[in-house]
Amino acid sequence: MTYSLSWSAVSNSQAPSTDLVRLCQQGVAPNKAHFARLMRRYQGHVDQLLYKLAPDWNDRADLAQEVWVRVYRNINRLQEPEKFIGWVSRITTNLFYDELRKRKRHQAPISLDAPLRVGDGDLEWDLPSDELGPVEHLSRQEFYEQLHRAIANLPRSFQETITLREVEGLSYEEIADLTGVSIGTVKSRIARARMKLQTQLKSYLGN
């Protein structure tokens, strides 16, 4: 399939995203100027999604860069350019869970007997504060770490669906459209994913 695009529209920074995607899909490799324009337009979306998924990770910029490497390599496989933003979101979430599984295998234990390392020295655990204490902070951090791990252990289709719903806030209809399954299947996957998560996290959730 070929497309006839107006170069005057392409030179405009407000050119429709579908046109930019189609231009990037022309040729064996994406045109770097068109791809850079597309990346600038959606960099904020990728950064925001990674922040929601991993607010405590210091290397989110590296992950964002890897997202765009994957987009560059695979954009010719996107058959529906109008679904670009959903496609990028899926690449981002899949990369996050791939990275989470790697970290899960190489995580070092935390010692509560050792001082907390901070930028300008060591900090003792028992400092008085009106904020959350170290124990409470660790408990909350541990909960979110366990939540991420529990999601990472779900089947890939459940991971994708629960993330699109709970992290990105998409409607059932939007998720069905993005994933190519029925609304009933979307609802079923979300319900089953929530049950699995509640079972794995019941020690944190209480009765």
N, C-alpha and C. Protein backbone atom coordinates (compact mmCIF):
# COMPACT_ATOMS: atom_id res chain seq x y z
N MET A 1 0.85 -1.19 0.00
CA MET A 1 0.00 0.00 0.00
C MET A 1 0.88 1.23 0.00
N THR A 2 0.54 2.23 -0.80
CA THR A 2 1.30 3.47 -0.85
C THR A 2 0.44 4.62 -0.39
N TYR A 3 1.08 5.70 0.07
CA TYR A 3 0.38 6.85 0.58
C TYR A 3 0.90 8.10 -0.10
N SER A 4 0.01 9.01 -0.37
CA SER A 4 0.39 10.30 -0.94
C SER A 4 0.20 11.36 0.14
N LEU A 5 1.32 11.94 0.58
CA LEU A 5 1.27 12.89 1.68
C LEU A 5 1.76 14.25 1.23
N SER A 6 1.22 15.26 1.83
CA SER A 6 1.61 16.63 1.53
C SER A 6 2.86 16.98 2.30
N TRP A 7 3.94 17.37 1.60
CA TRP A 7 5.18 17.72 2.28
C TRP A 7 5.03 18.98 3.11
N SER A 8 4.11 19.87 2.71
CA SER A 8 3.88 21.05 3.52
C SER A 8 3.29 20.67 4.87
N ALA A 9 2.45 19.62 4.88
CA ALA A 9 1.89 19.16 6.15
C ALA A 9 2.96 18.48 6.99
N VAL A 10 3.86 17.74 6.31
CA VAL A 10 4.90 17.03 7.03
C VAL A 10 5.85 18.00 7.72
N SER A 11 6.15 19.12 7.08
CA SER A 11 7.07 20.08 7.66
C SER A 11 6.48 20.79 8.85
N ASN A 12 5.14 20.72 8.98
CA ASN A 12 4.45 21.35 10.10
C ASN A 12 4.58 20.46 11.32
N SER A 13 4.99 21.03 12.45
CA SER A 13 5.17 20.24 13.67
C SER A 13 3.86 19.66 14.16
N GLN A 14 2.73 20.19 13.65
CA GLN A 14 1.43 19.68 14.07
C GLN A 14 0.84 18.71 13.05
N ALA A 15 1.67 18.16 12.18
CA ALA A 15 1.19 17.17 11.22
C ALA A 15 0.55 16.02 11.96
N PRO A 16 -0.54 15.44 11.40
CA PRO A 16 -1.19 14.33 12.08
C PRO A 16 -0.21 13.20 12.38
N SER A 17 -0.35 12.60 13.53
CA SER A 17 0.57 11.54 13.93
C SER A 17 0.53 10.37 12.97
N THR A 18 -0.66 10.06 12.46
CA THR A 18 -0.74 8.94 11.52
C THR A 18 0.10 9.21 10.28
N ASP A 19 0.16 10.46 9.83
CA ASP A 19 0.99 10.80 8.68
C ASP A 19 2.46 10.61 9.00
N LEU A 20 2.87 11.02 10.19
CA LEU A 20 4.26 10.85 10.60
C LEU A 20 4.64 9.38 10.68
N VAL A 21 3.73 8.59 11.23
CA VAL A 21 3.99 7.15 11.32
C VAL A 21 4.14 6.55 9.94
N ARG A 22 3.25 6.91 9.03
CA ARG A 22 3.32 6.37 7.68
C ARG A 22 4.58 6.79 6.95
N LEU A 23 5.01 8.02 7.20
CA LEU A 23 6.26 8.47 6.60
C LEU A 23 7.44 7.67 7.15
N CYS A 24 7.40 7.37 8.45
CA CYS A 24 8.46 6.57 9.05
C CYS A 24 8.46 5.14 8.51
N GLN A 25 7.32 4.69 8.03
CA GLN A 25 7.22 3.33 7.53
C GLN A 25 7.65 3.19 6.07
N GLN A 26 7.92 4.30 5.42
CA GLN A 26 8.36 4.26 4.03
C GLN A 26 9.85 3.95 3.98
N GLY A 27 10.21 3.01 3.16
CA GLY A 27 11.61 2.63 3.05
C GLY A 27 11.95 1.49 3.99
N VAL A 28 13.18 1.00 3.87
CA VAL A 28 13.63 -0.13 4.68
C VAL A 28 13.76 0.28 6.15
N ALA A 29 14.29 1.47 6.40
CA ALA A 29 14.44 2.00 7.76
C ALA A 29 13.74 3.35 7.84
N PRO A 30 13.22 3.71 9.02
CA PRO A 30 12.52 5.00 9.16
C PRO A 30 13.44 6.17 8.84
N ASN A 31 12.86 7.18 8.20
CA ASN A 31 13.58 8.43 7.99
C ASN A 31 13.86 9.06 9.36
N LYS A 32 15.12 9.40 9.62
CA LYS A 32 15.50 9.84 10.96
C LYS A 32 14.86 11.17 11.34
N ALA A 33 14.68 12.07 10.37
CA ALA A 33 14.07 13.37 10.69
C ALA A 33 12.61 13.19 11.08
N HIS A 34 11.87 12.36 10.33
CA HIS A 34 10.46 12.11 10.64
C HIS A 34 10.35 11.37 11.97
N PHE A 35 11.26 10.40 12.19
CA PHE A 35 11.19 9.63 13.43
C PHE A 35 11.50 10.52 14.63
N ALA A 36 12.45 11.42 14.49
CA ALA A 36 12.78 12.33 15.59
C ALA A 36 11.58 13.21 15.94
N ARG A 37 10.84 13.64 14.93
CA ARG A 37 9.64 14.46 15.18
C ARG A 37 8.58 13.64 15.91
N LEU A 38 8.41 12.39 15.49
CA LEU A 38 7.45 11.51 16.15
C LEU A 38 7.86 11.24 17.60
N MET A 39 9.14 11.03 17.81
CA MET A 39 9.64 10.74 19.15
C MET A 39 9.44 11.94 20.07
N ARG A 40 9.73 13.15 19.57
CA ARG A 40 9.54 14.34 20.39
C ARG A 40 8.08 14.51 20.81
N ARG A 41 7.19 14.15 19.89
CA ARG A 41 5.77 14.32 20.19
C ARG A 41 5.30 13.39 21.29
N TYR A 42 5.86 12.18 21.38
CA TYR A 42 5.36 11.19 22.34
C TYR A 42 6.35 10.85 23.44
N GLN A 43 7.48 11.57 23.51
CA GLN A 43 8.44 11.30 24.57
C GLN A 43 7.80 11.51 25.95
N GLY A 44 6.99 12.55 26.08
CA GLY A 44 6.35 12.82 27.36
C GLY A 44 5.43 11.69 27.79
N HIS A 45 4.73 11.09 26.83
CA HIS A 45 3.83 9.97 27.15
C HIS A 45 4.63 8.78 27.68
N VAL A 46 5.74 8.46 27.02
CA VAL A 46 6.57 7.34 27.46
C VAL A 46 7.16 7.62 28.84
N ASP A 47 7.66 8.84 29.05
CA ASP A 47 8.24 9.20 30.35
C ASP A 47 7.21 9.10 31.46
N GLN A 48 5.99 9.58 31.19
CA GLN A 48 4.94 9.55 32.21
C GLN A 48 4.54 8.12 32.55
N LEU A 49 4.44 7.27 31.54
CA LEU A 49 4.07 5.88 31.78
C LEU A 49 5.14 5.16 32.58
N LEU A 50 6.41 5.38 32.25
CA LEU A 50 7.49 4.75 33.00
C LEU A 50 7.52 5.26 34.44
N TYR A 51 7.19 6.53 34.64
CA TYR A 51 7.16 7.06 36.00
C TYR A 51 6.05 6.38 36.81
N LYS A 52 4.90 6.15 36.19
CA LYS A 52 3.82 5.46 36.89
C LYS A 52 4.21 4.03 37.24
N LEU A 53 4.92 3.37 36.33
CA LEU A 53 5.29 1.98 36.54
C LEU A 53 6.45 1.84 37.52
N ALA A 54 7.41 2.77 37.47
CA ALA A 54 8.62 2.62 38.28
C ALA A 54 9.06 3.97 38.83
N PRO A 55 8.30 4.56 39.75
CA PRO A 55 8.64 5.89 40.25
C PRO A 55 9.97 5.96 40.99
N ASP A 56 10.45 4.83 41.54
CA ASP A 56 11.69 4.84 42.32
C ASP A 56 12.91 4.42 41.51
N TRP A 57 12.74 4.10 40.25
CA TRP A 57 13.88 3.68 39.43
C TRP A 57 14.63 4.91 38.94
N ASN A 58 15.95 4.89 39.06
CA ASN A 58 16.77 6.03 38.64
C ASN A 58 17.17 5.96 37.17
N ASP A 59 16.93 4.84 36.53
CA ASP A 59 17.37 4.68 35.14
C ASP A 59 16.22 4.70 34.15
N ARG A 60 15.15 5.43 34.49
CA ARG A 60 14.01 5.48 33.58
C ARG A 60 14.38 6.08 32.22
N ALA A 61 15.34 7.01 32.22
CA ALA A 61 15.77 7.61 30.94
C ALA A 61 16.38 6.55 30.04
N ASP A 62 17.13 5.62 30.63
CA ASP A 62 17.70 4.53 29.83
C ASP A 62 16.61 3.63 29.27
N LEU A 63 15.59 3.36 30.10
CA LEU A 63 14.48 2.54 29.63
C LEU A 63 13.72 3.25 28.50
N ALA A 64 13.53 4.55 28.66
CA ALA A 64 12.83 5.31 27.61
C ALA A 64 13.61 5.25 26.30
N GLN A 65 14.92 5.34 26.39
CA GLN A 65 15.74 5.25 25.19
C GLN A 65 15.58 3.88 24.53
N GLU A 66 15.54 2.83 25.34
CA GLU A 66 15.36 1.49 24.79
C GLU A 66 13.99 1.33 24.15
N VAL A 67 12.96 1.99 24.73
CA VAL A 67 11.63 1.96 24.12
C VAL A 67 11.71 2.48 22.68
N TRP A 68 12.38 3.61 22.50
CA TRP A 68 12.43 4.21 21.16
C TRP A 68 13.31 3.43 20.21
N VAL A 69 14.30 2.72 20.73
CA VAL A 69 15.08 1.81 19.89
C VAL A 69 14.17 0.71 19.35
N ARG A 70 13.33 0.16 20.22
CA ARG A 70 12.41 -0.90 19.79
C ARG A 70 11.36 -0.37 18.82
N VAL A 71 10.88 0.84 19.08
CA VAL A 71 9.92 1.45 18.16
C VAL A 71 10.56 1.63 16.79
N TYR A 72 11.78 2.14 16.75
CA TYR A 72 12.49 2.38 15.49
C TYR A 72 12.65 1.07 14.70
N ARG A 73 13.00 0.01 15.42
CA ARG A 73 13.27 -1.26 14.75
C ARG A 73 12.00 -1.95 14.26
N ASN A 74 10.87 -1.66 14.90
CA ASN A 74 9.66 -2.43 14.61
C ASN A 74 8.51 -1.62 14.03
N ILE A 75 8.70 -0.34 13.75
CA ILE A 75 7.58 0.49 13.33
C ILE A 75 6.96 0.02 12.02
N ASN A 76 7.76 -0.62 11.17
CA ASN A 76 7.21 -1.12 9.91
C ASN A 76 6.22 -2.26 10.11
N ARG A 77 6.21 -2.85 11.31
CA ARG A 77 5.28 -3.93 11.60
C ARG A 77 3.93 -3.43 12.08
N LEU A 78 3.84 -2.15 12.39
CA LEU A 78 2.57 -1.58 12.86
C LEU A 78 1.64 -1.41 11.67
N GLN A 79 0.58 -2.20 11.64
CA GLN A 79 -0.32 -2.21 10.50
C GLN A 79 -1.40 -1.13 10.56
N GLU A 80 -1.64 -0.59 11.76
CA GLU A 80 -2.66 0.45 11.91
C GLU A 80 -2.01 1.69 12.55
N PRO A 81 -1.50 2.60 11.75
CA PRO A 81 -0.80 3.78 12.27
C PRO A 81 -1.63 4.60 13.26
N GLU A 82 -2.95 4.57 13.13
CA GLU A 82 -3.78 5.35 14.04
C GLU A 82 -3.75 4.80 15.46
N LYS A 83 -3.21 3.60 15.65
CA LYS A 83 -3.10 3.01 16.98
C LYS A 83 -1.67 3.10 17.52
N PHE A 84 -0.92 4.05 17.00
CA PHE A 84 0.49 4.18 17.37
C PHE A 84 0.69 4.35 18.87
N ILE A 85 -0.08 5.24 19.51
CA ILE A 85 0.15 5.53 20.92
C ILE A 85 -0.11 4.30 21.80
N GLY A 86 -1.13 3.51 21.45
CA GLY A 86 -1.38 2.28 22.19
C GLY A 86 -0.27 1.27 21.98
N TRP A 87 0.25 1.23 20.75
CA TRP A 87 1.34 0.31 20.43
C TRP A 87 2.60 0.68 21.20
N VAL A 88 2.90 1.96 21.28
CA VAL A 88 4.06 2.43 22.05
C VAL A 88 3.87 2.12 23.53
N SER A 89 2.66 2.27 24.02
CA SER A 89 2.38 1.96 25.43
C SER A 89 2.64 0.49 25.72
N ARG A 90 2.27 -0.37 24.80
CA ARG A 90 2.50 -1.80 25.00
C ARG A 90 3.98 -2.13 24.99
N ILE A 91 4.74 -1.51 24.09
CA ILE A 91 6.19 -1.71 24.07
C ILE A 91 6.80 -1.26 25.39
N THR A 92 6.33 -0.12 25.90
CA THR A 92 6.86 0.43 27.16
C THR A 92 6.58 -0.50 28.33
N THR A 93 5.35 -0.96 28.46
CA THR A 93 5.00 -1.83 29.58
C THR A 93 5.70 -3.19 29.46
N ASN A 94 5.82 -3.71 28.25
CA ASN A 94 6.51 -4.99 28.07
C ASN A 94 7.99 -4.86 28.45
N LEU A 95 8.60 -3.74 28.07
CA LEU A 95 10.00 -3.52 28.43
C LEU A 95 10.15 -3.43 29.94
N PHE A 96 9.23 -2.72 30.59
CA PHE A 96 9.29 -2.60 32.05
C PHE A 96 9.24 -3.97 32.72
N TYR A 97 8.31 -4.83 32.31
CA TYR A 97 8.20 -6.12 32.96
C TYR A 97 9.37 -7.04 32.61
N ASP A 98 9.92 -6.90 31.41
CA ASP A 98 11.14 -7.65 31.09
C ASP A 98 12.28 -7.24 32.02
N GLU A 99 12.43 -5.94 32.23
CA GLU A 99 13.48 -5.43 33.10
C GLU A 99 13.23 -5.84 34.56
N LEU A 100 11.96 -5.84 34.95
CA LEU A 100 11.62 -6.21 36.32
C LEU A 100 12.00 -7.66 36.59
N ARG A 101 11.78 -8.54 35.62
CA ARG A 101 12.15 -9.94 35.79
C ARG A 101 13.67 -10.10 35.94
N LYS A 102 14.42 -9.29 35.19
CA LYS A 102 15.89 -9.35 35.31
C LYS A 102 16.32 -8.92 36.71
N ARG A 103 15.72 -7.84 37.22
CA ARG A 103 16.10 -7.33 38.53
C ARG A 103 15.68 -8.30 39.64
N LYS A 104 14.60 -8.97 39.40
CA LYS A 104 14.11 -9.93 40.39
C LYS A 104 15.13 -11.04 40.63
N ARG A 105 15.89 -11.37 39.59
CA ARG A 105 16.88 -12.44 39.70
C ARG A 105 18.19 -11.97 40.33
N HIS A 106 18.40 -10.64 40.37
CA HIS A 106 19.68 -10.13 40.85
C HIS A 106 19.53 -9.11 41.98
N GLN A 107 18.45 -9.20 42.72
CA GLN A 107 18.21 -8.21 43.77
C GLN A 107 19.02 -8.54 45.02
N ALA A 108 19.72 -7.54 45.55
CA ALA A 108 20.50 -7.71 46.79
C ALA A 108 19.59 -7.48 47.98
N PRO A 109 19.77 -8.22 49.08
CA PRO A 109 18.94 -8.02 50.28
C PRO A 109 19.24 -6.69 50.95
N ILE A 110 18.26 -6.15 51.67
CA ILE A 110 18.42 -4.91 52.42
C ILE A 110 18.64 -5.24 53.90
N SER A 111 19.67 -4.67 54.48
CA SER A 111 19.94 -4.88 55.90
C SER A 111 19.39 -3.72 56.70
N LEU A 112 18.53 -4.01 57.67
CA LEU A 112 17.99 -2.96 58.53
C LEU A 112 18.98 -2.55 59.61
N ASP A 113 20.07 -3.31 59.76
CA ASP A 113 21.09 -2.96 60.75
C ASP A 113 22.08 -1.94 60.21
N ALA A 114 22.14 -1.80 58.91
CA ALA A 114 23.10 -0.88 58.30
C ALA A 114 22.45 0.48 58.10
N PRO A 115 23.24 1.56 58.14
CA PRO A 115 22.68 2.89 57.89
C PRO A 115 22.24 3.02 56.44
N LEU A 116 21.30 3.90 56.22
CA LEU A 116 20.79 4.15 54.88
C LEU A 116 21.75 5.07 54.14
N ARG A 117 22.19 4.65 52.95
CA ARG A 117 23.09 5.47 52.16
C ARG A 117 22.30 6.53 51.41
N VAL A 118 22.69 7.80 51.59
CA VAL A 118 22.06 8.89 50.87
C VAL A 118 23.16 9.69 50.17
N GLY A 119 22.74 10.70 49.42
CA GLY A 119 23.69 11.42 48.58
C GLY A 119 24.83 12.07 49.33
N ASP A 120 24.57 12.59 50.54
CA ASP A 120 25.60 13.33 51.26
C ASP A 120 26.08 12.61 52.52
N GLY A 121 25.93 11.29 52.57
CA GLY A 121 26.42 10.54 53.72
C GLY A 121 25.46 9.44 54.13
N ASP A 122 25.61 8.99 55.39
CA ASP A 122 24.76 7.93 55.92
C ASP A 122 23.66 8.52 56.78
N LEU A 123 22.54 7.82 56.81
CA LEU A 123 21.40 8.26 57.61
C LEU A 123 20.94 7.11 58.48
N GLU A 124 20.87 7.34 59.81
CA GLU A 124 20.42 6.29 60.71
C GLU A 124 18.93 6.04 60.53
N TRP A 125 18.52 4.80 60.75
CA TRP A 125 17.12 4.42 60.52
C TRP A 125 16.16 5.05 61.52
N ASP A 126 16.62 5.36 62.73
CA ASP A 126 15.69 5.75 63.78
C ASP A 126 15.59 7.25 63.99
N LEU A 127 15.85 8.05 62.97
CA LEU A 127 15.69 9.50 63.10
C LEU A 127 14.22 9.84 63.29
N PRO A 128 13.88 10.73 64.26
CA PRO A 128 12.49 11.13 64.42
C PRO A 128 12.04 12.00 63.25
N SER A 129 10.79 11.83 62.85
CA SER A 129 10.28 12.61 61.73
C SER A 129 8.76 12.58 61.73
N ASP A 130 8.17 13.66 61.18
CA ASP A 130 6.72 13.69 61.02
C ASP A 130 6.30 12.92 59.78
N GLU A 131 7.26 12.64 58.91
CA GLU A 131 6.96 11.88 57.70
C GLU A 131 6.90 10.39 58.06
N LEU A 132 6.66 9.57 57.04
CA LEU A 132 6.68 8.13 57.25
C LEU A 132 8.04 7.71 57.77
N GLY A 133 8.07 6.90 58.81
CA GLY A 133 9.33 6.39 59.32
C GLY A 133 9.94 5.39 58.37
N PRO A 134 11.22 5.04 58.59
CA PRO A 134 11.89 4.10 57.70
C PRO A 134 11.16 2.77 57.56
N VAL A 135 10.63 2.26 58.68
CA VAL A 135 9.93 0.97 58.63
C VAL A 135 8.68 1.08 57.77
N GLU A 136 7.90 2.17 58.02
CA GLU A 136 6.68 2.36 57.22
C GLU A 136 7.02 2.59 55.76
N HIS A 137 8.09 3.37 55.53
CA HIS A 137 8.50 3.63 54.15
C HIS A 137 8.91 2.34 53.46
N LEU A 138 9.69 1.53 54.17
CA LEU A 138 10.11 0.25 53.59
C LEU A 138 8.93 -0.67 53.35
N SER A 139 7.97 -0.64 54.27
CA SER A 139 6.79 -1.48 54.10
C SER A 139 6.03 -1.09 52.85
N ARG A 140 5.87 0.22 52.66
CA ARG A 140 5.16 0.67 51.47
C ARG A 140 5.95 0.34 50.21
N GLN A 141 7.27 0.59 50.27
CA GLN A 141 8.11 0.29 49.12
C GLN A 141 8.08 -1.21 48.82
N GLU A 142 8.14 -2.02 49.88
CA GLU A 142 8.10 -3.46 49.69
C GLU A 142 6.79 -3.90 49.06
N PHE A 143 5.68 -3.25 49.48
CA PHE A 143 4.39 -3.60 48.90
C PHE A 143 4.39 -3.36 47.40
N TYR A 144 4.88 -2.18 46.98
CA TYR A 144 4.86 -1.87 45.55
C TYR A 144 5.83 -2.76 44.77
N GLU A 145 6.94 -3.12 45.40
CA GLU A 145 7.85 -4.06 44.75
C GLU A 145 7.18 -5.42 44.56
N GLN A 146 6.48 -5.87 45.60
CA GLN A 146 5.78 -7.14 45.50
C GLN A 146 4.64 -7.07 44.48
N LEU A 147 3.97 -5.91 44.43
CA LEU A 147 2.91 -5.73 43.44
C LEU A 147 3.46 -5.84 42.03
N HIS A 148 4.57 -5.15 41.77
CA HIS A 148 5.18 -5.22 40.45
C HIS A 148 5.60 -6.66 40.11
N ARG A 149 6.15 -7.35 41.09
CA ARG A 149 6.58 -8.72 40.85
C ARG A 149 5.37 -9.62 40.58
N ALA A 150 4.31 -9.40 41.35
CA ALA A 150 3.11 -10.21 41.16
C ALA A 150 2.53 -10.00 39.76
N ILE A 151 2.53 -8.75 39.31
CA ILE A 151 2.04 -8.48 37.95
C ILE A 151 2.96 -9.13 36.92
N ALA A 152 4.27 -9.07 37.18
CA ALA A 152 5.23 -9.66 36.25
C ALA A 152 5.06 -11.16 36.14
N ASN A 153 4.51 -11.80 37.18
CA ASN A 153 4.30 -13.24 37.17
C ASN A 153 2.98 -13.65 36.49
N LEU A 154 2.16 -12.67 36.17
CA LEU A 154 0.91 -12.97 35.47
C LEU A 154 1.20 -13.37 34.03
N PRO A 155 0.28 -14.11 33.40
CA PRO A 155 0.42 -14.36 31.96
C PRO A 155 0.52 -13.04 31.21
N ARG A 156 1.22 -13.03 30.09
CA ARG A 156 1.48 -11.79 29.36
C ARG A 156 0.19 -11.04 29.02
N SER A 157 -0.85 -11.76 28.62
CA SER A 157 -2.11 -11.09 28.26
C SER A 157 -2.73 -10.41 29.48
N PHE A 158 -2.59 -11.03 30.68
CA PHE A 158 -3.11 -10.42 31.90
C PHE A 158 -2.29 -9.18 32.28
N GLN A 159 -0.95 -9.28 32.14
CA GLN A 159 -0.09 -8.14 32.43
C GLN A 159 -0.52 -6.93 31.60
N GLU A 160 -0.66 -7.18 30.32
CA GLU A 160 -0.98 -6.09 29.40
C GLU A 160 -2.32 -5.47 29.75
N THR A 161 -3.31 -6.31 29.97
CA THR A 161 -4.67 -5.81 30.21
C THR A 161 -4.78 -5.05 31.53
N ILE A 162 -4.21 -5.60 32.60
CA ILE A 162 -4.32 -4.95 33.90
C ILE A 162 -3.54 -3.64 33.92
N THR A 163 -2.42 -3.58 33.19
CA THR A 163 -1.65 -2.35 33.12
C THR A 163 -2.38 -1.27 32.35
N LEU A 164 -2.97 -1.64 31.23
CA LEU A 164 -3.72 -0.66 30.44
C LEU A 164 -4.90 -0.11 31.24
N ARG A 165 -5.49 -0.95 32.08
CA ARG A 165 -6.65 -0.53 32.87
C ARG A 165 -6.25 0.27 34.10
N GLU A 166 -5.33 -0.28 34.91
CA GLU A 166 -5.04 0.31 36.21
C GLU A 166 -3.96 1.39 36.16
N VAL A 167 -3.03 1.28 35.23
CA VAL A 167 -1.95 2.27 35.15
C VAL A 167 -2.32 3.39 34.17
N GLU A 168 -2.77 3.00 32.97
CA GLU A 168 -3.07 4.01 31.96
C GLU A 168 -4.52 4.50 32.05
N GLY A 169 -5.37 3.78 32.77
CA GLY A 169 -6.73 4.24 32.96
C GLY A 169 -7.61 4.14 31.73
N LEU A 170 -7.31 3.21 30.83
CA LEU A 170 -8.12 3.07 29.62
C LEU A 170 -9.44 2.38 29.93
N SER A 171 -10.42 2.65 29.11
CA SER A 171 -11.72 2.01 29.27
C SER A 171 -11.66 0.59 28.73
N TYR A 172 -12.67 -0.21 29.06
CA TYR A 172 -12.72 -1.58 28.53
C TYR A 172 -12.77 -1.56 27.01
N GLU A 173 -13.51 -0.62 26.45
CA GLU A 173 -13.63 -0.53 25.00
C GLU A 173 -12.28 -0.20 24.36
N GLU A 174 -11.55 0.72 24.96
CA GLU A 174 -10.24 1.09 24.41
C GLU A 174 -9.26 -0.08 24.50
N ILE A 175 -9.30 -0.80 25.61
CA ILE A 175 -8.41 -1.96 25.76
C ILE A 175 -8.75 -3.03 24.75
N ALA A 176 -10.03 -3.28 24.55
CA ALA A 176 -10.46 -4.27 23.57
C ALA A 176 -9.98 -3.89 22.18
N ASP A 177 -10.06 -2.61 21.86
CA ASP A 177 -9.64 -2.13 20.55
C ASP A 177 -8.13 -2.29 20.38
N LEU A 178 -7.37 -1.98 21.43
CA LEU A 178 -5.91 -2.06 21.36
C LEU A 178 -5.41 -3.50 21.27
N THR A 179 -6.05 -4.39 22.02
CA THR A 179 -5.56 -5.77 22.12
C THR A 179 -6.22 -6.71 21.12
N GLY A 180 -7.28 -6.25 20.47
CA GLY A 180 -7.93 -7.07 19.46
C GLY A 180 -8.76 -8.21 20.01
N VAL A 181 -9.28 -8.06 21.23
CA VAL A 181 -10.14 -9.09 21.80
C VAL A 181 -11.47 -8.45 22.17
N SER A 182 -12.44 -9.26 22.55
CA SER A 182 -13.76 -8.74 22.89
C SER A 182 -13.75 -8.05 24.25
N ILE A 183 -14.75 -7.20 24.49
CA ILE A 183 -14.87 -6.53 25.78
C ILE A 183 -15.06 -7.56 26.89
N GLY A 184 -15.81 -8.62 26.60
CA GLY A 184 -16.00 -9.68 27.59
C GLY A 184 -14.69 -10.32 28.00
N THR A 185 -13.81 -10.55 27.02
CA THR A 185 -12.49 -11.12 27.32
C THR A 185 -11.66 -10.16 28.16
N VAL A 186 -11.74 -8.87 27.82
CA VAL A 186 -11.01 -7.86 28.60
C VAL A 186 -11.47 -7.89 30.06
N LYS A 187 -12.77 -7.87 30.28
CA LYS A 187 -13.30 -7.87 31.64
C LYS A 187 -12.90 -9.14 32.38
N SER A 188 -12.93 -10.26 31.68
CA SER A 188 -12.56 -11.52 32.31
C SER A 188 -11.08 -11.52 32.71
N ARG A 189 -10.22 -11.03 31.83
CA ARG A 189 -8.78 -10.99 32.14
C ARG A 189 -8.50 -10.07 33.33
N ILE A 190 -9.17 -8.93 33.37
CA ILE A 190 -8.95 -7.99 34.47
C ILE A 190 -9.42 -8.59 35.78
N ALA A 191 -10.60 -9.23 35.76
CA ALA A 191 -11.13 -9.84 36.98
C ALA A 191 -10.20 -10.95 37.48
N ARG A 192 -9.73 -11.79 36.58
CA ARG A 192 -8.86 -12.89 36.97
C ARG A 192 -7.50 -12.38 37.43
N ALA A 193 -7.00 -11.34 36.77
CA ALA A 193 -5.73 -10.75 37.18
C ALA A 193 -5.85 -10.17 38.59
N ARG A 194 -6.95 -9.47 38.86
CA ARG A 194 -7.14 -8.89 40.20
C ARG A 194 -7.22 -9.97 41.27
N MET A 195 -7.90 -11.08 40.96
CA MET A 195 -8.00 -12.18 41.93
C MET A 195 -6.63 -12.77 42.24
N LYS A 196 -5.82 -12.95 41.18
CA LYS A 196 -4.48 -13.50 41.37
C LYS A 196 -3.62 -12.55 42.20
N LEU A 197 -3.74 -11.25 41.91
CA LEU A 197 -2.95 -10.27 42.65
C LEU A 197 -3.37 -10.22 44.11
N GLN A 198 -4.68 -10.27 44.36
CA GLN A 198 -5.17 -10.23 45.73
C GLN A 198 -4.70 -11.45 46.51
N THR A 199 -4.65 -12.60 45.85
CA THR A 199 -4.18 -13.82 46.51
C THR A 199 -2.71 -13.70 46.88
N GLN A 200 -1.90 -13.19 45.95
CA GLN A 200 -0.46 -13.09 46.19
C GLN A 200 -0.11 -11.99 47.20
N LEU A 201 -0.99 -10.99 47.30
CA LEU A 201 -0.68 -9.83 48.15
C LEU A 201 -1.56 -9.77 49.40
N LYS A 202 -2.22 -10.88 49.74
CA LYS A 202 -3.18 -10.84 50.84
C LYS A 202 -2.53 -10.50 52.18
N SER A 203 -1.24 -10.82 52.32
CA SER A 203 -0.55 -10.48 53.58
C SER A 203 -0.39 -8.98 53.75
N TYR A 204 -0.44 -8.24 52.64
CA TYR A 204 -0.32 -6.78 52.70
C TYR A 204 -1.70 -6.11 52.74
N LEU A 205 -2.69 -6.79 52.19
CA LEU A 205 -4.02 -6.19 52.05
C LEU A 205 -4.90 -6.40 53.27
N GLY A 206 -4.54 -7.36 54.12
CA GLY A 206 -5.37 -7.65 55.29
C GLY A 206 -6.54 -8.51 54.90
N ASN A 207 -7.48 -8.67 55.82
CA ASN A 207 -8.63 -9.53 55.57
C ASN A 207 -9.65 -8.82 54.69
